[in-house]
Amino acid sequence: MTLLDATVGEALTVLDESACDNLAATLARMGIHQGDMVRLIRRAPFQGPVLVEVLGSGIRVALGRGMAAKLLVTPVPS
């Protein structure tokens, strides 16, 4: 599933950010890498960005919905 499909508050593992070269590089500069655990904090209304927290570092990053739709994630087992 993509980050855009995830439920708010859900912990996720980043599977693949290589939908395009620019996306992987941009996410790496923001501190999001393949294998990282993130939590979807909130979705802004009216097609606004999504806010994610990188678990472990505590970094919070706002991603546009286009980027979120290309970022493949999987839920962390409870």
N, C-alpha and C. Protein backbone atom coordinates (compact mmCIF):
# COMPACT_ATOMS: atom_id res chain seq x y z
N MET A 1 0.86 -1.18 0.00
CA MET A 1 0.00 0.00 0.00
C MET A 1 0.90 1.23 0.00
N THR A 2 0.33 2.35 -0.33
CA THR A 2 1.09 3.60 -0.33
C THR A 2 0.82 4.36 0.96
N LEU A 3 1.65 5.34 1.23
CA LEU A 3 1.47 6.16 2.43
C LEU A 3 0.11 6.86 2.40
N LEU A 4 -0.36 7.19 1.23
CA LEU A 4 -1.65 7.86 1.10
C LEU A 4 -2.81 6.95 1.51
N ASP A 5 -2.63 5.65 1.41
CA ASP A 5 -3.67 4.68 1.78
C ASP A 5 -3.67 4.33 3.26
N ALA A 6 -2.64 4.72 3.99
CA ALA A 6 -2.49 4.33 5.39
C ALA A 6 -3.48 5.08 6.29
N THR A 7 -3.72 4.50 7.46
CA THR A 7 -4.62 5.08 8.45
C THR A 7 -3.83 6.03 9.34
N VAL A 8 -4.42 7.16 9.70
CA VAL A 8 -3.77 8.12 10.59
C VAL A 8 -3.47 7.44 11.92
N GLY A 9 -2.25 7.62 12.43
CA GLY A 9 -1.82 7.03 13.68
C GLY A 9 -1.13 5.69 13.52
N GLU A 10 -1.15 5.14 12.33
CA GLU A 10 -0.60 3.82 12.07
C GLU A 10 0.93 3.89 11.92
N ALA A 11 1.63 2.93 12.54
CA ALA A 11 3.08 2.81 12.37
C ALA A 11 3.34 1.99 11.12
N LEU A 12 4.30 2.43 10.32
CA LEU A 12 4.55 1.83 9.01
C LEU A 12 6.05 1.66 8.78
N THR A 13 6.39 0.69 7.95
CA THR A 13 7.77 0.53 7.51
C THR A 13 7.84 0.93 6.04
N VAL A 14 8.83 1.75 5.70
CA VAL A 14 9.02 2.19 4.32
C VAL A 14 9.61 1.02 3.53
N LEU A 15 8.88 0.58 2.50
CA LEU A 15 9.33 -0.53 1.66
C LEU A 15 10.14 -0.04 0.47
N ASP A 16 9.63 0.96 -0.22
CA ASP A 16 10.27 1.38 -1.46
C ASP A 16 9.95 2.84 -1.73
N GLU A 17 11.02 3.62 -1.92
CA GLU A 17 10.85 5.03 -2.24
C GLU A 17 11.44 5.34 -3.62
N SER A 18 11.65 4.29 -4.40
CA SER A 18 12.36 4.47 -5.67
C SER A 18 11.43 4.57 -6.87
N ALA A 19 10.23 5.11 -6.68
CA ALA A 19 9.29 5.28 -7.80
C ALA A 19 9.92 6.13 -8.89
N CYS A 20 10.77 7.05 -8.50
CA CYS A 20 11.57 7.82 -9.45
C CYS A 20 12.82 8.27 -8.71
N ASP A 21 13.88 8.56 -9.45
CA ASP A 21 15.16 8.92 -8.84
C ASP A 21 15.05 10.17 -7.98
N ASN A 22 14.31 11.15 -8.45
CA ASN A 22 14.18 12.39 -7.69
C ASN A 22 13.46 12.17 -6.36
N LEU A 23 12.48 11.30 -6.32
CA LEU A 23 11.74 11.03 -5.10
C LEU A 23 12.65 10.44 -4.04
N ALA A 24 13.44 9.44 -4.42
CA ALA A 24 14.34 8.79 -3.46
C ALA A 24 15.34 9.80 -2.89
N ALA A 25 15.89 10.63 -3.74
CA ALA A 25 16.87 11.63 -3.28
C ALA A 25 16.22 12.68 -2.39
N THR A 26 15.04 13.12 -2.75
CA THR A 26 14.33 14.12 -1.95
C THR A 26 13.98 13.57 -0.57
N LEU A 27 13.45 12.35 -0.52
CA LEU A 27 13.10 11.74 0.76
C LEU A 27 14.34 11.51 1.61
N ALA A 28 15.45 11.12 1.01
CA ALA A 28 16.69 10.92 1.75
C ALA A 28 17.15 12.22 2.40
N ARG A 29 17.02 13.32 1.69
CA ARG A 29 17.39 14.63 2.28
C ARG A 29 16.47 14.99 3.43
N MET A 30 15.23 14.51 3.40
CA MET A 30 14.28 14.77 4.47
C MET A 30 14.44 13.81 5.64
N GLY A 31 15.26 12.76 5.46
CA GLY A 31 15.49 11.81 6.54
C GLY A 31 14.65 10.55 6.46
N ILE A 32 14.03 10.28 5.31
CA ILE A 32 13.21 9.09 5.14
C ILE A 32 13.92 8.15 4.16
N HIS A 33 14.22 6.92 4.64
CA HIS A 33 14.95 5.95 3.83
C HIS A 33 14.21 4.62 3.84
N GLN A 34 14.53 3.77 2.89
CA GLN A 34 13.96 2.43 2.84
C GLN A 34 14.29 1.70 4.13
N GLY A 35 13.30 1.05 4.74
CA GLY A 35 13.50 0.33 5.99
C GLY A 35 13.18 1.14 7.23
N ASP A 36 13.04 2.46 7.10
CA ASP A 36 12.69 3.31 8.25
C ASP A 36 11.26 3.06 8.69
N MET A 37 11.01 3.26 9.98
CA MET A 37 9.64 3.19 10.50
C MET A 37 9.12 4.61 10.63
N VAL A 38 7.91 4.83 10.13
CA VAL A 38 7.27 6.15 10.18
C VAL A 38 5.86 5.99 10.73
N ARG A 39 5.30 7.10 11.20
CA ARG A 39 3.91 7.11 11.66
C ARG A 39 3.20 8.24 10.93
N LEU A 40 2.03 7.93 10.38
CA LEU A 40 1.22 8.95 9.73
C LEU A 40 0.52 9.76 10.83
N ILE A 41 0.87 11.02 10.94
CA ILE A 41 0.35 11.88 12.00
C ILE A 41 -0.99 12.49 11.61
N ARG A 42 -1.06 13.07 10.42
CA ARG A 42 -2.33 13.66 9.98
C ARG A 42 -2.34 13.91 8.49
N ARG A 43 -3.54 14.06 7.98
CA ARG A 43 -3.77 14.46 6.58
C ARG A 43 -4.43 15.83 6.60
N ALA A 44 -3.87 16.76 5.89
CA ALA A 44 -4.50 18.07 5.78
C ALA A 44 -5.73 17.95 4.89
N PRO A 45 -6.75 18.75 5.17
CA PRO A 45 -7.96 18.68 4.34
C PRO A 45 -7.75 19.28 2.95
N PHE A 46 -8.67 19.00 2.08
CA PHE A 46 -8.72 19.59 0.74
C PHE A 46 -7.46 19.33 -0.07
N GLN A 47 -7.02 18.06 -0.09
CA GLN A 47 -5.86 17.65 -0.89
C GLN A 47 -4.55 18.28 -0.42
N GLY A 48 -4.50 18.68 0.84
CA GLY A 48 -3.27 19.23 1.42
C GLY A 48 -2.27 18.12 1.71
N PRO A 49 -1.12 18.48 2.27
CA PRO A 49 -0.07 17.50 2.53
C PRO A 49 -0.41 16.54 3.68
N VAL A 50 0.39 15.48 3.77
CA VAL A 50 0.29 14.56 4.90
C VAL A 50 1.51 14.78 5.79
N LEU A 51 1.34 14.63 7.09
CA LEU A 51 2.41 14.83 8.05
C LEU A 51 2.82 13.46 8.59
N VAL A 52 4.11 13.14 8.47
CA VAL A 52 4.63 11.88 8.98
C VAL A 52 5.75 12.15 9.97
N GLU A 53 5.91 11.24 10.92
CA GLU A 53 7.01 11.30 11.87
C GLU A 53 7.91 10.10 11.63
N VAL A 54 9.21 10.34 11.53
CA VAL A 54 10.17 9.25 11.40
C VAL A 54 10.44 8.75 12.80
N LEU A 55 10.02 7.53 13.09
CA LEU A 55 10.18 6.98 14.43
C LEU A 55 11.67 6.71 14.67
N GLY A 56 12.11 6.99 15.84
CA GLY A 56 13.53 6.82 16.17
C GLY A 56 14.23 8.16 16.21
N SER A 57 14.02 8.99 15.19
CA SER A 57 14.66 10.30 15.17
C SER A 57 13.71 11.41 15.61
N GLY A 58 12.40 11.16 15.48
CA GLY A 58 11.41 12.16 15.88
C GLY A 58 11.20 13.27 14.86
N ILE A 59 11.85 13.16 13.72
CA ILE A 59 11.69 14.17 12.67
C ILE A 59 10.27 14.10 12.12
N ARG A 60 9.63 15.26 11.97
CA ARG A 60 8.31 15.33 11.33
C ARG A 60 8.45 16.02 9.99
N VAL A 61 7.85 15.43 8.98
CA VAL A 61 7.98 15.91 7.61
C VAL A 61 6.61 15.98 6.97
N ALA A 62 6.33 17.08 6.29
CA ALA A 62 5.10 17.21 5.51
C ALA A 62 5.42 16.81 4.07
N LEU A 63 4.64 15.86 3.56
CA LEU A 63 4.82 15.39 2.19
C LEU A 63 3.58 15.71 1.37
N GLY A 64 3.79 16.16 0.16
CA GLY A 64 2.68 16.38 -0.74
C GLY A 64 2.01 15.05 -1.07
N ARG A 65 0.76 15.11 -1.45
CA ARG A 65 0.02 13.88 -1.74
C ARG A 65 0.59 13.12 -2.93
N GLY A 66 1.19 13.81 -3.86
CA GLY A 66 1.82 13.12 -4.99
C GLY A 66 2.99 12.26 -4.54
N MET A 67 3.81 12.79 -3.65
CA MET A 67 4.93 12.02 -3.10
C MET A 67 4.41 10.87 -2.24
N ALA A 68 3.40 11.14 -1.41
CA ALA A 68 2.84 10.11 -0.54
C ALA A 68 2.24 8.96 -1.34
N ALA A 69 1.70 9.27 -2.51
CA ALA A 69 1.08 8.24 -3.36
C ALA A 69 2.13 7.33 -3.99
N LYS A 70 3.40 7.75 -4.02
CA LYS A 70 4.46 6.94 -4.62
C LYS A 70 5.30 6.21 -3.58
N LEU A 71 5.10 6.51 -2.31
CA LEU A 71 5.90 5.91 -1.24
C LEU A 71 5.22 4.63 -0.74
N LEU A 72 5.83 3.49 -1.01
CA LEU A 72 5.25 2.20 -0.62
C LEU A 72 5.62 1.88 0.82
N VAL A 73 4.61 1.49 1.61
CA VAL A 73 4.79 1.19 3.03
C VAL A 73 4.02 -0.08 3.39
N THR A 74 4.35 -0.63 4.55
CA THR A 74 3.60 -1.77 5.09
C THR A 74 3.39 -1.53 6.58
N PRO A 75 2.25 -1.94 7.13
CA PRO A 75 2.01 -1.75 8.56
C PRO A 75 3.00 -2.55 9.40
N VAL A 76 3.40 -1.96 10.53
CA VAL A 76 4.27 -2.66 11.48
C VAL A 76 3.39 -3.60 12.29
N PRO A 77 3.77 -4.88 12.37
CA PRO A 77 2.95 -5.82 13.16
C PRO A 77 2.93 -5.41 14.63
N SER A 78 1.79 -5.56 15.26
CA SER A 78 1.65 -5.17 16.67
C SER A 78 2.32 -6.15 17.59
